[in-house]
Amino acid sequence: MIIKYNPKLKELARQLRNNATKAEIFLWQKLKRNQMYGYDFHRQKPIDQYIVDFFCNKLRLAIELDGYSHQITEVWEKDVKKTKCLNELGINILRFSDYQVMNEMENVLRAIEDYIVTFEEKGFTPPSIPPC
């Protein structure tokens, strides 16, 4: 399925890739080059009107890393709206805090692996849903 995005987000996504957080870099080292069960992940992927930290189209999975700013009510509310919109597109979200990635990487990887195993067992094919 082709994921549409706002072309205006392309440059912002590039900037985000070039200014990645330590947690993003750390997790990317585990996801890049099909290391996670052979699935192809992308960093800072524009989807619809949003940019997700990591995305695998085949799995219909976005992974979001949340720093301390995501505890602020306004940012949290934006995250809820973003999650709802992406879910309506048939995309599932896994969220991890920067702390989890930096200090509990094995648990983070296990959660991603569990998603993949469940996805493969169900033979999941997401529905085609129009953009938000």
C-alpha atoms as a PDB file:
ATOM      1  CA  MET A   1       0.000   0.000   0.000  1.00  0.00           C
ATOM      2  CA  ILE A   2       1.307   3.446  -0.880  1.00  0.00           C
ATOM      3  CA  ILE A   3       1.432   5.874   2.023  1.00  0.00           C
ATOM      4  CA  LYS A   4       0.645   9.445   1.025  1.00  0.00           C
ATOM      5  CA  TYR A   5       2.208  12.403   2.772  1.00  0.00           C
ATOM      6  CA  ASN A   6       2.395  16.138   2.633  1.00  0.00           C
ATOM      7  CA  PRO A   7       5.436  16.951   0.418  1.00  0.00           C
ATOM      8  CA  LYS A   8       6.133  19.974   2.614  1.00  0.00           C
ATOM      9  CA  LEU A   9       7.231  17.523   5.326  1.00  0.00           C
ATOM     10  CA  LYS A  10      10.076  16.050   3.264  1.00  0.00           C
ATOM     11  CA  GLU A  11      12.638  18.710   4.215  1.00  0.00           C
ATOM     12  CA  LEU A  12      11.583  18.655   7.886  1.00  0.00           C
ATOM     13  CA  ALA A  13      11.987  14.858   7.930  1.00  0.00           C
ATOM     14  CA  ARG A  14      15.504  15.255   6.509  1.00  0.00           C
ATOM     15  CA  GLN A  15      16.347  17.793   9.214  1.00  0.00           C
ATOM     16  CA  LEU A  16      15.021  15.461  11.910  1.00  0.00           C
ATOM     17  CA  ARG A  17      17.167  12.603  10.561  1.00  0.00           C
ATOM     18  CA  ASN A  18      20.217  14.859  10.619  1.00  0.00           C
ATOM     19  CA  ASN A  19      19.490  15.994  14.198  1.00  0.00           C
ATOM     20  CA  ALA A  20      18.495  12.678  15.762  1.00  0.00           C
ATOM     21  CA  THR A  21      18.385  12.216  19.518  1.00  0.00           C
ATOM     22  CA  LYS A  22      20.711   9.735  21.219  1.00  0.00           C
ATOM     23  CA  ALA A  23      17.778   7.387  21.762  1.00  0.00           C
ATOM     24  CA  GLU A  24      16.808   7.550  18.074  1.00  0.00           C
ATOM     25  CA  ILE A  25      20.383   6.795  17.013  1.00  0.00           C
ATOM     26  CA  PHE A  26      20.614   3.927  19.511  1.00  0.00           C
ATOM     27  CA  LEU A  27      17.384   2.293  18.320  1.00  0.00           C
ATOM     28  CA  TRP A  28      18.217   2.918  14.649  1.00  0.00           C
ATOM     29  CA  GLN A  29      21.382   0.832  15.119  1.00  0.00           C
ATOM     30  CA  LYS A  30      19.069  -2.118  15.902  1.00  0.00           C
ATOM     31  CA  LEU A  31      16.475  -1.498  13.149  1.00  0.00           C
ATOM     32  CA  LYS A  32      18.501  -0.466  10.100  1.00  0.00           C
ATOM     33  CA  ARG A  33      19.536  -2.774   7.259  1.00  0.00           C
ATOM     34  CA  ASN A  34      16.698  -5.255   7.839  1.00  0.00           C
ATOM     35  CA  GLN A  35      18.151  -6.434  11.158  1.00  0.00           C
ATOM     36  CA  MET A  36      14.730  -6.910  12.747  1.00  0.00           C
ATOM     37  CA  TYR A  37      13.488 -10.189  11.255  1.00  0.00           C
ATOM     38  CA  GLY A  38      14.383  -8.920   7.785  1.00  0.00           C
ATOM     39  CA  TYR A  39      11.910  -6.025   7.848  1.00  0.00           C
ATOM     40  CA  ASP A  40      12.823  -2.692   6.255  1.00  0.00           C
ATOM     41  CA  PHE A  41      12.451   0.272   8.615  1.00  0.00           C
ATOM     42  CA  HIS A  42      12.792   3.951   7.689  1.00  0.00           C
ATOM     43  CA  ARG A  43      13.667   6.901   9.935  1.00  0.00           C
ATOM     44  CA  GLN A  44      11.619  10.074  10.204  1.00  0.00           C
ATOM     45  CA  LYS A  45       9.028   8.914   7.694  1.00  0.00           C
ATOM     46  CA  PRO A  46       6.350  11.399   6.566  1.00  0.00           C
ATOM     47  CA  ILE A  47       2.896   9.819   6.688  1.00  0.00           C
ATOM     48  CA  ASP A  48      -0.194  11.857   5.869  1.00  0.00           C
ATOM     49  CA  GLN A  49       0.294  15.083   7.856  1.00  0.00           C
ATOM     50  CA  TYR A  50       2.745  13.611  10.390  1.00  0.00           C
ATOM     51  CA  ILE A  51       6.322  12.385  10.645  1.00  0.00           C
ATOM     52  CA  VAL A  52       6.931   9.173  12.592  1.00  0.00           C
ATOM     53  CA  ASP A  53      10.290   8.313  14.133  1.00  0.00           C
ATOM     54  CA  PHE A  54      10.506   4.844  12.547  1.00  0.00           C
ATOM     55  CA  PHE A  55       8.226   3.099  10.081  1.00  0.00           C
ATOM     56  CA  CYS A  56       7.933  -0.303   8.425  1.00  0.00           C
ATOM     57  CA  ASN A  57       5.380  -0.302   5.619  1.00  0.00           C
ATOM     58  CA  LYS A  58       5.172  -4.094   5.365  1.00  0.00           C
ATOM     59  CA  LEU A  59       4.351  -4.393   9.084  1.00  0.00           C
ATOM     60  CA  ARG A  60       2.133  -1.280   9.061  1.00  0.00           C
ATOM     61  CA  LEU A  61       4.097  -0.302  12.172  1.00  0.00           C
ATOM     62  CA  ALA A  62       5.265   3.093  13.371  1.00  0.00           C
ATOM     63  CA  ILE A  63       7.603   3.357  16.348  1.00  0.00           C
ATOM     64  CA  GLU A  64       7.602   6.605  18.280  1.00  0.00           C
ATOM     65  CA  LEU A  65      10.184   7.660  20.867  1.00  0.00           C
ATOM     66  CA  ASP A  66       8.989  10.080  23.489  1.00  0.00           C
ATOM     67  CA  GLY A  67      11.367  12.375  25.353  1.00  0.00           C
ATOM     68  CA  TYR A  68      10.526  14.346  28.473  1.00  0.00           C
ATOM     69  CA  SER A  69       8.546  16.953  26.460  1.00  0.00           C
ATOM     70  CA  HIS A  70       5.893  14.333  25.678  1.00  0.00           C
ATOM     71  CA  GLN A  71       4.792  14.501  29.317  1.00  0.00           C
ATOM     72  CA  ILE A  72       3.543  18.055  28.766  1.00  0.00           C
ATOM     73  CA  THR A  73      -0.230  18.069  28.322  1.00  0.00           C
ATOM     74  CA  GLU A  74      -0.244  19.899  24.961  1.00  0.00           C
ATOM     75  CA  VAL A  75       2.361  17.558  23.461  1.00  0.00           C
ATOM     76  CA  TRP A  76       0.572  14.512  24.880  1.00  0.00           C
ATOM     77  CA  GLU A  77      -2.702  15.674  23.311  1.00  0.00           C
ATOM     78  CA  LYS A  78      -0.962  16.017  19.921  1.00  0.00           C
ATOM     79  CA  ASP A  79       0.429  12.505  20.341  1.00  0.00           C
ATOM     80  CA  VAL A  80      -3.079  11.166  21.004  1.00  0.00           C
ATOM     81  CA  LYS A  81      -4.408  12.872  17.862  1.00  0.00           C
ATOM     82  CA  LYS A  82      -1.464  11.605  15.788  1.00  0.00           C
ATOM     83  CA  THR A  83      -1.960   8.049  17.063  1.00  0.00           C
ATOM     84  CA  LYS A  84      -5.684   8.146  16.297  1.00  0.00           C
ATOM     85  CA  CYS A  85      -5.090   9.400  12.752  1.00  0.00           C
ATOM     86  CA  LEU A  86      -2.402   6.813  12.036  1.00  0.00           C
ATOM     87  CA  ASN A  87      -4.578   4.037  13.477  1.00  0.00           C
ATOM     88  CA  GLU A  88      -7.359   5.143  11.103  1.00  0.00           C
ATOM     89  CA  LEU A  89      -4.859   4.648   8.253  1.00  0.00           C
ATOM     90  CA  GLY A  90      -4.317   1.074   9.436  1.00  0.00           C
ATOM     91  CA  ILE A  91      -0.965   1.833  11.073  1.00  0.00           C
ATOM     92  CA  ASN A  92      -0.191   0.520  14.543  1.00  0.00           C
ATOM     93  CA  ILE A  93       2.001   2.520  16.911  1.00  0.00           C
ATOM     94  CA  LEU A  94       4.504   1.305  19.471  1.00  0.00           C
ATOM     95  CA  ARG A  95       5.628   4.066  21.851  1.00  0.00           C
ATOM     96  CA  PHE A  96       8.731   3.983  23.988  1.00  0.00           C
ATOM     97  CA  SER A  97      10.324   6.610  26.162  1.00  0.00           C
ATOM     98  CA  ASP A  98      13.880   7.741  25.536  1.00  0.00           C
ATOM     99  CA  TYR A  99      14.675   6.292  28.966  1.00  0.00           C
ATOM    100  CA  GLN A 100      13.423   2.843  27.909  1.00  0.00           C
ATOM    101  CA  VAL A 101      15.532   2.876  24.757  1.00  0.00           C
ATOM    102  CA  MET A 102      18.668   4.019  26.553  1.00  0.00           C
ATOM    103  CA  ASN A 103      18.285   1.822  29.652  1.00  0.00           C
ATOM    104  CA  GLU A 104      16.010  -1.082  28.765  1.00  0.00           C
ATOM    105  CA  MET A 105      16.840  -1.810  25.114  1.00  0.00           C
ATOM    106  CA  GLU A 106      16.277  -5.557  25.442  1.00  0.00           C
ATOM    107  CA  ASN A 107      12.681  -4.933  26.564  1.00  0.00           C
ATOM    108  CA  VAL A 108      12.122  -2.488  23.694  1.00  0.00           C
ATOM    109  CA  LEU A 109      13.441  -4.985  21.155  1.00  0.00           C
ATOM    110  CA  ARG A 110      11.356  -7.751  22.715  1.00  0.00           C
ATOM    111  CA  ALA A 111       8.194  -5.629  22.356  1.00  0.00           C
ATOM    112  CA  ILE A 112       8.981  -4.994  18.679  1.00  0.00           C
ATOM    113  CA  GLU A 113       9.706  -8.687  18.133  1.00  0.00           C
ATOM    114  CA  ASP A 114       6.409  -9.606  19.826  1.00  0.00           C
ATOM    115  CA  TYR A 115       4.570  -7.275  17.454  1.00  0.00           C
ATOM    116  CA  ILE A 116       6.296  -8.890  14.456  1.00  0.00           C
ATOM    117  CA  VAL A 117       5.543 -12.443  15.612  1.00  0.00           C
ATOM    118  CA  THR A 118       1.881 -11.559  16.208  1.00  0.00           C
ATOM    119  CA  PHE A 119       1.706  -9.806  12.839  1.00  0.00           C
ATOM    120  CA  GLU A 120       3.166 -12.838  11.052  1.00  0.00           C
ATOM    121  CA  GLU A 121       0.935 -15.319  12.893  1.00  0.00           C
ATOM    122  CA  LYS A 122      -2.221 -13.417  11.990  1.00  0.00           C
ATOM    123  CA  GLY A 123      -1.192 -12.841   8.388  1.00  0.00           C
ATOM    124  CA  PHE A 124      -2.416  -9.305   8.974  1.00  0.00           C
ATOM    125  CA  THR A 125      -3.450  -7.242   5.946  1.00  0.00           C
ATOM    126  CA  PRO A 126      -4.617  -3.781   7.006  1.00  0.00           C
ATOM    127  CA  PRO A 127      -7.638  -2.235   5.354  1.00  0.00           C
ATOM    128  CA  SER A 128      -7.303   0.605   2.882  1.00  0.00           C
ATOM    129  CA  ILE A 129      -8.567   3.680   4.694  1.00  0.00           C
ATOM    130  CA  PRO A 130      -8.628   7.240   3.322  1.00  0.00           C
ATOM    131  CA  PRO A 131      -6.318   9.851   4.918  1.00  0.00           C
ATOM    132  CA  CYS A 132      -7.346  11.727   8.056  1.00  0.00           C
END
